[in-house]
N, C-alpha and C. Protein backbone atom coordinates (compact mmCIF):
# COMPACT_ATOMS: atom_id res chain seq x y z
N MET A 1 -6.66 11.91 -13.55
CA MET A 1 -5.85 11.16 -13.25
C MET A 1 -6.03 9.92 -12.70
N ALA A 2 -5.97 8.98 -13.16
CA ALA A 2 -5.80 7.90 -12.73
C ALA A 2 -4.44 6.86 -13.06
N LEU A 3 -4.80 5.72 -11.87
CA LEU A 3 -3.79 4.49 -12.22
C LEU A 3 -4.53 3.66 -12.68
N VAL A 4 -4.15 3.18 -13.69
CA VAL A 4 -5.25 1.97 -14.99
C VAL A 4 -4.02 0.70 -15.39
N VAL A 5 -4.79 -0.31 -15.12
CA VAL A 5 -4.26 -1.65 -15.58
C VAL A 5 -5.28 -1.51 -16.54
N GLU A 6 -5.21 -2.11 -18.00
CA GLU A 6 -4.89 -2.25 -19.27
C GLU A 6 -6.57 -3.41 -18.93
N GLY A 7 -8.18 -3.49 -19.02
CA GLY A 7 -8.50 -4.69 -18.92
C GLY A 7 -9.26 -5.12 -17.45
N LEU A 8 -8.02 -4.55 -16.30
CA LEU A 8 -8.98 -5.11 -15.18
C LEU A 8 -9.79 -3.94 -14.34
N LEU A 9 -8.05 -2.81 -14.36
CA LEU A 9 -8.92 -1.92 -12.86
C LEU A 9 -8.97 -0.37 -13.15
N SER A 10 -9.08 0.49 -13.02
CA SER A 10 -8.71 1.84 -12.56
C SER A 10 -8.79 2.43 -11.30
N ILE A 11 -7.91 3.17 -10.46
CA ILE A 11 -8.15 4.05 -9.43
C ILE A 11 -7.82 5.31 -9.52
N LYS A 12 -8.70 6.91 -8.95
CA LYS A 12 -9.01 8.22 -9.58
C LYS A 12 -8.28 8.34 -8.33
N ALA A 13 -7.21 9.21 -8.14
CA ALA A 13 -6.62 10.58 -7.71
C ALA A 13 -7.90 10.18 -6.43
N GLY A 14 -7.39 10.08 -4.98
CA GLY A 14 -8.18 11.10 -3.94
C GLY A 14 -9.62 9.44 -3.82
N GLU A 15 -9.14 8.15 -4.38
CA GLU A 15 -10.51 7.22 -5.05
C GLU A 15 -10.08 5.79 -4.23
N VAL A 16 -10.42 5.33 -2.80
CA VAL A 16 -9.90 4.29 -1.96
C VAL A 16 -11.05 3.13 -3.08
N VAL A 17 -10.60 1.88 -3.86
CA VAL A 17 -10.49 0.63 -4.61
C VAL A 17 -10.70 -0.32 -3.49
N ALA A 18 -11.30 -1.13 -3.18
CA ALA A 18 -10.96 -1.97 -2.45
C ALA A 18 -10.94 -3.23 -3.46
N LEU A 19 -10.07 -4.57 -3.09
CA LEU A 19 -9.68 -5.56 -3.96
C LEU A 19 -9.84 -6.84 -2.79
N MET A 20 -10.63 -7.65 -3.12
CA MET A 20 -11.23 -8.89 -2.39
C MET A 20 -11.52 -9.98 -2.63
N GLY A 21 -11.20 -10.83 -2.15
CA GLY A 21 -11.28 -12.81 -3.58
C GLY A 21 -11.08 -13.46 -1.99
N PRO A 22 -10.70 -14.58 -2.81
CA PRO A 22 -9.84 -15.80 -1.45
C PRO A 22 -8.79 -15.66 -1.91
N ASN A 23 -7.92 -16.33 -0.73
CA ASN A 23 -6.69 -16.94 -1.07
C ASN A 23 -6.50 -17.38 -2.02
N GLY A 24 -5.25 -17.05 -2.79
CA GLY A 24 -4.50 -17.45 -3.88
C GLY A 24 -5.65 -16.99 -5.13
N SER A 25 -6.08 -16.12 -5.37
CA SER A 25 -7.01 -15.36 -6.50
C SER A 25 -5.71 -14.73 -6.85
N GLY A 26 -4.42 -14.58 -6.31
CA GLY A 26 -4.01 -12.89 -7.19
C GLY A 26 -4.24 -11.87 -7.05
N LYS A 27 -4.70 -11.58 -6.19
CA LYS A 27 -4.49 -10.26 -5.64
C LYS A 27 -3.01 -10.03 -5.18
N THR A 28 -2.32 -10.24 -4.46
CA THR A 28 -1.00 -9.54 -4.27
C THR A 28 -0.21 -10.16 -5.93
N SER A 29 -0.45 -10.93 -6.35
CA SER A 29 0.39 -10.69 -7.86
C SER A 29 0.05 -9.48 -8.04
N LEU A 30 -1.18 -9.46 -8.54
CA LEU A 30 -2.14 -7.90 -9.42
C LEU A 30 -0.65 -6.78 -8.48
N ALA A 31 -0.40 -6.59 -7.36
CA ALA A 31 -0.34 -5.33 -6.86
C ALA A 31 1.56 -5.66 -7.06
N LEU A 32 1.86 -7.09 -7.34
CA LEU A 32 3.94 -6.96 -7.25
C LEU A 32 3.54 -6.38 -8.82
N GLY A 33 2.60 -7.10 -9.92
CA GLY A 33 2.81 -6.23 -10.91
C GLY A 33 3.21 -5.23 -11.05
N ILE A 34 2.00 -4.84 -10.93
CA ILE A 34 1.91 -2.38 -10.84
C ILE A 34 3.13 -2.24 -10.56
N ILE A 35 3.49 -2.95 -9.34
CA ILE A 35 4.21 -2.58 -8.42
C ILE A 35 5.99 -2.49 -9.69
N GLY A 36 6.03 -3.62 -10.27
CA GLY A 36 6.55 -3.36 -10.90
C GLY A 36 7.73 -4.78 -10.85
N HIS A 37 7.78 -5.62 -9.44
CA HIS A 37 8.24 -6.36 -8.84
C HIS A 37 8.75 -7.32 -10.32
N PRO A 38 10.12 -7.56 -9.91
CA PRO A 38 10.71 -8.57 -11.45
C PRO A 38 10.09 -9.41 -11.66
N GLY A 39 9.49 -9.95 -10.74
CA GLY A 39 9.19 -11.62 -10.62
C GLY A 39 8.47 -11.79 -11.46
N TYR A 40 7.18 -10.33 -11.58
CA TYR A 40 6.37 -10.65 -11.43
C TYR A 40 5.47 -9.42 -12.89
N LYS A 41 5.19 -10.01 -14.02
CA LYS A 41 5.03 -9.57 -14.97
C LYS A 41 3.10 -9.37 -15.42
N LEU A 42 2.64 -8.38 -15.79
CA LEU A 42 1.55 -8.33 -16.48
C LEU A 42 1.52 -7.96 -17.18
N LYS A 43 0.60 -8.90 -18.38
CA LYS A 43 0.14 -8.38 -19.78
C LYS A 43 -0.57 -7.55 -20.06
N ASN A 44 -1.01 -7.20 -19.24
CA ASN A 44 -1.76 -5.52 -19.67
C ASN A 44 -1.19 -4.04 -19.14
N LYS A 45 -0.98 -3.55 -19.99
CA LYS A 45 -0.54 -1.96 -19.92
C LYS A 45 -0.92 -1.29 -18.93
N ILE A 46 -0.64 -0.28 -17.85
CA ILE A 46 0.24 0.12 -16.72
C ILE A 46 -0.30 1.69 -17.31
N TRP A 47 -1.55 1.90 -16.93
CA TRP A 47 -0.94 3.67 -16.89
C TRP A 47 -0.98 4.77 -15.60
N LEU A 48 -0.06 5.48 -15.35
CA LEU A 48 -0.54 6.24 -14.23
C LEU A 48 -0.39 7.56 -14.72
N ASP A 49 -1.79 7.88 -14.79
CA ASP A 49 -1.73 9.71 -14.41
C ASP A 49 -1.54 9.73 -16.26
N GLY A 50 -1.93 9.19 -16.70
CA GLY A 50 -2.01 8.61 -18.90
C GLY A 50 -0.53 8.78 -19.09
N GLU A 51 0.39 8.13 -18.63
CA GLU A 51 1.56 7.67 -19.15
C GLU A 51 1.82 6.23 -18.92
N GLU A 52 2.60 5.83 -20.04
CA GLU A 52 2.24 4.11 -19.72
C GLU A 52 3.87 4.14 -19.15
N ILE A 53 3.88 2.86 -18.30
CA ILE A 53 4.40 2.35 -17.00
C ILE A 53 5.32 1.43 -17.10
N SER A 54 4.36 0.07 -17.88
CA SER A 54 4.44 -0.94 -18.69
C SER A 54 6.06 -1.68 -17.96
N GLY A 55 6.80 -0.46 -19.07
CA GLY A 55 8.13 -0.68 -19.60
C GLY A 55 9.10 -0.39 -18.01
N LEU A 56 8.54 0.33 -17.22
CA LEU A 56 9.40 0.83 -16.00
C LEU A 56 9.36 -0.34 -15.09
N SER A 57 10.32 0.11 -13.89
CA SER A 57 11.29 -1.07 -13.60
C SER A 57 9.75 -0.04 -11.89
N MET A 58 10.58 -1.58 -10.88
CA MET A 58 9.99 -0.51 -9.99
C MET A 58 10.33 0.35 -9.60
N PRO A 59 11.23 0.80 -8.97
CA PRO A 59 12.38 1.69 -8.27
C PRO A 59 11.71 3.62 -9.74
N GLU A 60 11.70 2.81 -10.71
CA GLU A 60 11.43 4.11 -11.45
C GLU A 60 9.88 4.47 -11.80
N ARG A 61 9.11 3.46 -10.80
CA ARG A 61 7.71 3.12 -11.14
C ARG A 61 7.42 4.07 -9.72
N VAL A 62 8.18 3.79 -8.63
CA VAL A 62 7.83 4.49 -7.04
C VAL A 62 8.39 5.73 -7.31
N LYS A 63 9.51 6.40 -8.74
CA LYS A 63 9.70 7.10 -8.37
C LYS A 63 8.61 8.55 -8.95
N LYS A 64 7.55 8.06 -9.85
CA LYS A 64 6.66 8.28 -10.54
C LYS A 64 5.67 8.57 -9.58
N GLY A 65 5.28 8.03 -8.42
CA GLY A 65 4.58 7.98 -7.38
C GLY A 65 3.29 6.28 -7.18
N LEU A 66 4.07 5.24 -7.54
CA LEU A 66 3.45 3.65 -6.93
C LEU A 66 3.57 4.13 -5.23
N PHE A 67 3.74 3.21 -4.52
CA PHE A 67 4.22 2.90 -3.42
C PHE A 67 2.95 2.05 -3.29
N LEU A 68 3.84 0.40 -2.46
CA LEU A 68 2.95 -0.87 -1.79
C LEU A 68 3.76 -0.96 -0.51
N THR A 69 2.68 -1.26 0.15
CA THR A 69 2.65 -1.67 1.82
C THR A 69 3.26 -3.61 1.33
N TRP A 70 4.01 -4.41 1.44
CA TRP A 70 4.23 -5.83 2.17
C TRP A 70 3.54 -6.51 2.86
N GLN A 71 2.60 -7.82 2.19
CA GLN A 71 1.92 -8.43 3.12
C GLN A 71 2.79 -8.58 4.95
N SER A 72 3.96 -9.52 4.12
CA SER A 72 4.76 -9.09 5.66
C SER A 72 6.32 -8.52 4.52
N PRO A 73 6.32 -7.28 5.87
CA PRO A 73 7.55 -6.74 5.35
C PRO A 73 9.07 -7.31 6.13
N VAL A 74 9.32 -7.33 5.03
CA VAL A 74 10.96 -7.84 5.56
C VAL A 74 11.72 -7.45 6.69
N GLY A 75 12.93 -7.42 7.75
CA GLY A 75 13.91 -6.40 8.18
C GLY A 75 15.27 -6.30 7.42
N ILE A 76 15.53 -5.22 8.02
CA ILE A 76 16.66 -4.64 7.03
C ILE A 76 17.90 -4.50 8.06
N ARG A 77 19.04 -4.96 8.57
CA ARG A 77 19.40 -4.85 9.89
C ARG A 77 20.78 -3.95 8.88
N GLY A 78 21.19 -3.03 9.62
CA GLY A 78 21.56 -1.61 9.71
C GLY A 78 20.74 -0.52 9.02
N VAL A 79 20.11 -0.33 9.02
CA VAL A 79 19.37 0.91 8.89
C VAL A 79 18.05 0.93 9.19
N SER A 80 18.10 1.90 9.80
CA SER A 80 16.94 2.48 11.05
C SER A 80 16.12 2.95 10.10
N VAL A 81 15.02 2.94 10.94
CA VAL A 81 13.90 4.11 10.14
C VAL A 81 13.85 5.44 9.67
N ARG A 82 14.57 6.04 10.96
CA ARG A 82 14.60 7.09 10.62
C ARG A 82 15.23 7.31 9.56
N GLN A 83 16.56 6.80 9.09
CA GLN A 83 17.49 7.17 7.98
C GLN A 83 16.46 7.13 6.66
N ILE A 84 15.65 6.40 6.56
CA ILE A 84 14.82 5.87 5.22
C ILE A 84 13.46 7.01 5.03
N LEU A 85 13.39 7.49 6.52
CA LEU A 85 12.33 8.30 6.10
C LEU A 85 12.92 9.88 6.59
N LYS A 86 12.55 10.52 5.38
CA LYS A 86 13.71 11.95 6.21
C LYS A 86 12.45 12.82 6.14
N LYS A 87 11.15 13.21 5.61
CA LYS A 87 10.67 14.63 5.87
C LYS A 87 9.47 14.32 7.05
N ASN A 88 9.72 15.48 8.06
CA ASN A 88 8.74 14.98 9.11
C ASN A 88 8.14 13.99 10.00
N LEU A 89 9.64 13.05 10.04
CA LEU A 89 9.19 12.10 10.62
C LEU A 89 8.38 12.09 11.79
N THR A 90 8.92 13.22 12.68
CA THR A 90 8.89 13.26 13.96
C THR A 90 6.32 13.39 14.36
N ALA A 91 5.91 14.28 13.43
CA ALA A 91 4.84 14.69 13.80
C ALA A 91 4.60 13.09 12.93
N GLU A 92 4.67 13.28 11.90
CA GLU A 92 3.66 11.43 11.09
C GLU A 92 3.59 11.02 12.18
N ALA A 93 5.02 9.91 12.99
CA ALA A 93 5.43 9.20 14.14
C ALA A 93 3.79 9.31 14.99
N LYS A 94 3.87 10.68 15.63
CA LYS A 94 2.78 10.69 16.62
C LYS A 94 1.76 10.39 15.93
N LYS A 95 1.37 10.34 15.23
CA LYS A 95 0.12 10.81 14.65
C LYS A 95 -1.07 8.80 14.17
N LEU A 96 0.21 8.89 13.97
CA LEU A 96 0.31 6.84 14.45
C LEU A 96 0.50 6.48 15.76
N LYS A 97 0.70 7.41 16.63
CA LYS A 97 1.24 6.73 17.76
C LYS A 97 2.19 5.85 17.64
N ILE A 98 3.26 6.25 17.48
CA ILE A 98 4.48 5.02 17.13
C ILE A 98 5.74 5.53 18.36
N ASN A 99 6.61 4.85 19.14
CA ASN A 99 6.89 5.32 20.20
C ASN A 99 8.64 5.46 19.00
N GLN A 100 8.75 6.88 19.62
CA GLN A 100 10.25 7.25 19.06
C GLN A 100 11.23 6.79 18.73
N GLN A 101 11.37 5.54 20.21
CA GLN A 101 12.01 4.56 20.38
C GLN A 101 12.80 4.17 18.50
N LEU A 102 10.92 3.56 18.56
CA LEU A 102 11.03 2.23 17.16
C LEU A 102 11.96 2.89 16.31
N LEU A 103 12.15 4.70 16.28
CA LEU A 103 12.60 5.20 13.98
C LEU A 103 14.13 4.70 14.70
N ASP A 104 14.85 4.35 15.89
CA ASP A 104 16.49 4.42 15.56
C ASP A 104 16.34 2.98 15.88
N ARG A 105 15.69 1.58 15.89
CA ARG A 105 15.71 0.81 15.40
C ARG A 105 15.97 -0.05 13.67
N ASP A 106 16.73 -0.62 13.74
CA ASP A 106 16.92 -1.92 12.66
C ASP A 106 15.54 -1.69 11.90
N ILE A 107 15.06 -1.76 10.41
CA ILE A 107 13.94 -1.80 9.98
C ILE A 107 13.14 -3.24 10.32
N ASN A 108 12.13 -3.31 10.80
CA ASN A 108 10.96 -4.16 11.25
C ASN A 108 12.33 -5.46 11.76
N VAL A 109 13.19 -5.07 12.42
CA VAL A 109 14.46 -6.45 13.04
C VAL A 109 13.42 -6.38 14.50
N ASN A 110 12.96 -7.25 14.31
CA ASN A 110 11.96 -8.09 15.88
C ASN A 110 10.70 -7.09 16.29
N PHE A 111 10.50 -6.73 15.66
CA PHE A 111 9.34 -5.62 15.52
C PHE A 111 8.16 -7.13 15.22
N SER A 112 7.17 -6.31 15.99
CA SER A 112 5.50 -6.92 16.36
C SER A 112 4.95 -6.76 15.13
N GLY A 113 3.84 -7.60 14.79
CA GLY A 113 3.62 -7.93 12.91
C GLY A 113 2.37 -5.93 12.94
N GLY A 114 2.06 -5.59 13.92
CA GLY A 114 1.30 -4.59 14.50
C GLY A 114 2.76 -3.59 13.97
N GLU A 115 2.57 -3.01 14.88
CA GLU A 115 4.51 -2.01 14.99
C GLU A 115 5.25 -2.79 13.18
N ARG A 116 5.61 -3.62 12.60
CA ARG A 116 5.88 -3.21 11.13
C ARG A 116 4.57 -2.68 10.18
N LYS A 117 3.95 -3.52 10.60
CA LYS A 117 2.06 -2.55 10.10
C LYS A 117 2.22 -1.15 10.01
N LYS A 118 2.46 -0.42 10.70
CA LYS A 118 1.94 1.26 11.67
C LYS A 118 3.55 1.70 10.97
N LEU A 119 4.77 0.68 10.37
CA LEU A 119 5.52 1.83 10.28
C LEU A 119 5.96 2.02 8.69
N GLU A 120 5.13 1.12 8.29
CA GLU A 120 4.62 0.68 6.62
C GLU A 120 3.62 2.19 5.90
N LEU A 121 2.31 2.43 7.38
CA LEU A 121 1.82 3.86 7.62
C LEU A 121 2.92 4.90 7.82
N LEU A 122 3.75 4.57 8.54
CA LEU A 122 4.86 6.32 8.48
C LEU A 122 5.79 6.35 7.30
N GLU A 123 6.39 4.72 6.65
CA GLU A 123 6.79 5.56 5.31
C GLU A 123 5.50 6.13 4.37
N LEU A 124 4.32 5.64 4.10
CA LEU A 124 3.40 6.56 3.31
C LEU A 124 3.49 7.68 3.63
N LEU A 125 2.92 7.77 4.83
CA LEU A 125 2.58 9.33 5.53
C LEU A 125 3.63 10.18 4.98
N ALA A 126 4.68 9.52 5.01
CA ALA A 126 6.24 10.36 4.56
C ALA A 126 6.51 10.70 3.72
N LEU A 127 6.44 9.76 1.91
CA LEU A 127 6.10 9.70 1.45
C LEU A 127 5.61 10.54 0.22
N GLN A 128 4.52 10.16 1.09
CA GLN A 128 3.02 10.93 0.50
C GLN A 128 2.74 10.56 -1.17
N PRO A 129 2.65 8.86 -2.09
CA PRO A 129 2.48 8.77 -3.03
C PRO A 129 1.04 9.11 -3.53
N LYS A 130 1.62 9.11 -5.37
CA LYS A 130 0.18 9.18 -5.77
C LYS A 130 -1.17 8.73 -6.04
N TYR A 131 0.03 7.21 -5.87
CA TYR A 131 -0.69 5.61 -5.50
C TYR A 131 -0.30 5.04 -4.62
N ALA A 132 -2.01 4.54 -4.05
CA ALA A 132 -1.45 3.17 -2.52
C ALA A 132 -1.94 1.63 -2.78
N ILE A 133 -0.67 0.91 -2.54
CA ILE A 133 -1.45 -0.13 -3.12
C ILE A 133 -1.31 -0.67 -1.50
N LEU A 134 -2.34 -1.36 -0.92
CA LEU A 134 -2.37 -1.17 0.81
C LEU A 134 -2.61 -3.08 0.96
N ASP A 135 -1.71 -3.82 0.84
CA ASP A 135 -1.80 -5.10 0.86
C ASP A 135 -2.00 -6.13 1.92
N GLU A 136 -2.60 -5.94 2.20
CA GLU A 136 -3.13 -6.69 3.57
C GLU A 136 -2.98 -6.06 4.65
N VAL A 137 -3.00 -4.40 4.42
CA VAL A 137 -2.54 -3.53 5.86
C VAL A 137 -2.77 -4.02 6.99
N ASP A 138 -4.01 -4.10 7.55
CA ASP A 138 -5.16 -4.56 8.35
C ASP A 138 -4.17 -5.66 8.89
N ALA A 139 -3.83 -6.43 8.57
CA ALA A 139 -3.51 -8.11 9.26
C ALA A 139 -1.97 -7.25 10.18
N GLY A 140 -3.17 -7.92 11.39
CA GLY A 140 -1.59 -7.51 12.43
C GLY A 140 -1.81 -6.10 13.63
N LEU A 141 -2.99 -5.28 12.85
CA LEU A 141 -3.29 -4.26 13.63
C LEU A 141 -4.96 -4.66 14.48
N ASP A 142 -4.28 -3.70 15.80
CA ASP A 142 -5.78 -3.89 16.45
C ASP A 142 -6.42 -2.56 16.06
N SER A 143 -7.97 -3.05 16.54
CA SER A 143 -8.63 -1.94 17.05
C SER A 143 -8.41 -0.53 17.35
N GLU A 144 -7.52 -0.17 17.95
CA GLU A 144 -6.92 1.14 17.77
C GLU A 144 -6.53 1.32 16.80
N SER A 145 -5.67 0.69 16.23
CA SER A 145 -3.95 0.50 15.39
C SER A 145 -5.39 0.85 13.85
N LEU A 146 -6.10 0.11 13.38
CA LEU A 146 -6.86 0.23 12.77
C LEU A 146 -7.94 1.59 12.82
N ARG A 147 -7.76 2.00 13.55
CA ARG A 147 -8.57 3.78 13.75
C ARG A 147 -7.67 4.81 12.89
N LEU A 148 -6.10 4.16 12.87
CA LEU A 148 -5.20 5.16 12.29
C LEU A 148 -5.27 5.41 10.63
N LEU A 149 -5.77 3.98 10.63
CA LEU A 149 -5.90 3.88 9.16
C LEU A 149 -6.32 5.26 8.28
N GLY A 150 -7.48 5.66 8.77
CA GLY A 150 -8.14 6.87 8.33
C GLY A 150 -7.01 8.31 8.14
N LYS A 151 -6.38 8.47 9.26
CA LYS A 151 -5.41 9.42 8.60
C LYS A 151 -4.65 9.01 7.40
N ILE A 152 -4.63 7.87 6.61
CA ILE A 152 -4.25 7.74 5.24
C ILE A 152 -4.22 8.38 4.87
N LYS A 153 -5.68 8.88 4.71
CA LYS A 153 -6.40 9.02 3.17
C LYS A 153 -6.29 10.58 3.25
N ALA A 154 -5.33 10.82 1.94
CA ALA A 154 -4.92 11.89 1.38
C ALA A 154 -5.92 12.30 0.51
N LYS A 155 -6.00 13.69 0.31
CA LYS A 155 -7.36 14.02 -0.49
C LYS A 155 -6.72 13.40 -1.89
N ASN A 156 -5.61 14.10 -2.22
CA ASN A 156 -5.49 12.99 -3.80
C ASN A 156 -4.83 12.38 -3.62
N MET A 157 -4.52 11.20 -2.92
CA MET A 157 -3.79 9.87 -3.18
C MET A 157 -5.00 8.73 -3.33
N GLY A 158 -4.39 8.32 -4.81
CA GLY A 158 -5.56 7.42 -5.00
C GLY A 158 -4.99 5.27 -4.04
N ILE A 159 -6.02 5.02 -3.57
CA ILE A 159 -5.66 3.59 -2.39
C ILE A 159 -6.18 2.80 -3.76
N LEU A 160 -5.57 1.64 -3.73
CA LEU A 160 -6.28 -0.09 -4.16
C LEU A 160 -5.89 -0.51 -2.36
N LEU A 161 -7.01 -0.97 -1.79
CA LEU A 161 -6.63 -1.57 -0.39
C LEU A 161 -7.54 -2.90 -0.46
N ILE A 162 -6.43 -3.81 -0.41
CA ILE A 162 -5.91 -5.42 -0.39
C ILE A 162 -6.75 -5.52 0.99
N THR A 163 -7.98 -6.71 0.86
CA THR A 163 -7.91 -7.19 1.59
C THR A 163 -9.26 -8.36 1.99
N HIS A 164 -8.84 -8.91 2.95
CA HIS A 164 -9.80 -10.33 3.55
C HIS A 164 -11.16 -9.78 3.99
N LYS A 165 -11.02 -8.53 5.18
CA LYS A 165 -12.09 -8.04 6.04
C LYS A 165 -12.71 -6.50 6.03
N THR A 166 -13.78 -6.69 5.98
CA THR A 166 -14.38 -5.25 5.85
C THR A 166 -14.66 -4.75 6.65
N ARG A 167 -14.40 -5.24 8.31
CA ARG A 167 -13.93 -4.43 8.98
C ARG A 167 -12.61 -3.50 9.26
N VAL A 168 -11.95 -3.02 8.06
CA VAL A 168 -11.56 -2.01 7.39
C VAL A 168 -12.27 -1.14 7.06
N PHE A 169 -13.44 -0.91 6.41
CA PHE A 169 -14.36 -0.56 5.69
C PHE A 169 -14.60 0.71 6.77
N ASP A 170 -14.49 0.44 7.97
CA ASP A 170 -14.79 1.36 8.23
C ASP A 170 -14.10 2.79 8.40
N TYR A 171 -12.72 2.62 8.75
CA TYR A 171 -11.86 3.73 8.37
C TYR A 171 -11.22 3.76 7.41
N LEU A 172 -11.54 3.06 6.00
CA LEU A 172 -11.54 3.33 5.20
C LEU A 172 -11.64 3.33 3.97
N LYS A 173 -12.97 3.88 3.82
CA LYS A 173 -14.32 3.31 3.14
C LYS A 173 -14.20 3.30 1.32
N PRO A 174 -14.44 2.63 0.72
CA PRO A 174 -13.93 2.23 0.03
C PRO A 174 -15.61 2.66 -1.22
N GLU A 175 -14.98 3.96 -2.41
CA GLU A 175 -16.15 4.19 -3.26
C GLU A 175 -15.99 2.87 -3.98
N ARG A 176 -15.60 1.94 -4.40
CA ARG A 176 -15.98 1.05 -5.19
C ARG A 176 -14.95 -0.29 -4.55
N ILE A 177 -15.54 -1.14 -4.24
CA ILE A 177 -15.11 -2.96 -3.83
C ILE A 177 -15.12 -3.85 -5.12
N VAL A 178 -14.01 -4.50 -5.69
CA VAL A 178 -14.18 -5.37 -6.68
C VAL A 178 -13.34 -6.26 -6.32
N GLN A 179 -14.15 -8.06 -6.58
CA GLN A 179 -13.97 -8.73 -6.99
C GLN A 179 -13.18 -9.90 -7.52
N MET A 180 -11.64 -10.10 -6.81
CA MET A 180 -10.51 -11.48 -7.92
C MET A 180 -10.81 -12.91 -7.39
N LYS A 181 -10.86 -13.48 -8.86
CA LYS A 181 -11.12 -14.74 -8.73
C LYS A 181 -10.00 -15.41 -9.82
N ASP A 182 -9.87 -16.55 -9.69
CA ASP A 182 -8.75 -16.91 -10.65
C ASP A 182 -7.93 -15.89 -11.27
N LEU A 183 -6.88 -15.14 -10.65
CA LEU A 183 -6.55 -13.98 -11.57
C LEU A 183 -7.38 -13.01 -12.05
N LYS A 184 -8.53 -13.42 -12.17
CA LYS A 184 -8.91 -12.20 -13.02
C LYS A 184 -10.42 -11.74 -12.19
N ILE A 185 -10.81 -10.61 -12.59
CA ILE A 185 -11.53 -9.47 -11.63
C ILE A 185 -12.91 -9.96 -12.14
N CYS A 186 -14.11 -10.24 -11.18
CA CYS A 186 -14.89 -11.23 -11.66
C CYS A 186 -16.42 -10.02 -11.29
N ARG A 187 -15.96 -8.95 -10.73
CA ARG A 187 -17.22 -8.51 -9.70
C ARG A 187 -16.87 -7.17 -9.89
N ILE A 188 -17.65 -5.83 -10.14
CA ILE A 188 -17.32 -4.75 -9.91
C ILE A 188 -18.47 -4.01 -9.59
């Protein structure tokens, strides 16, 4: 069981792989290509637990078990957090120390950066994907909130952790660190 991007990287179920590199090296482009964003096409084939998913749309890839946190989550007026998260929401929100009043507000509208990131983690916990791509999830989180990242490490969830800061490794400990430069994996 693994998420494999042909010739670039693989993430086993339950494994945390950190992806690091300078700004503009292609980390987010790779993440968007893996999730199937229509504006980002990878030349590499992608397999999810042995099934080739390269030709699938983003919603189809999500249904198969992929998840992506965004560097800058967008706000959605008219849709509350509670409306999109239906699984055991209250318990998971308590784990992340999220104020219950946030759950009834429009998604990410007038939220601080830290609140947006915590809500993405809540969505991750509620959806329980097979593989999660965390694109700079640590950006905007204070020290206390960084500790909460350890709660997302599920036994069978593979995680691609895109980051610039090694301090997040205290909470999500990667089995491997992969370096990206000029749109290529240059060091594993």
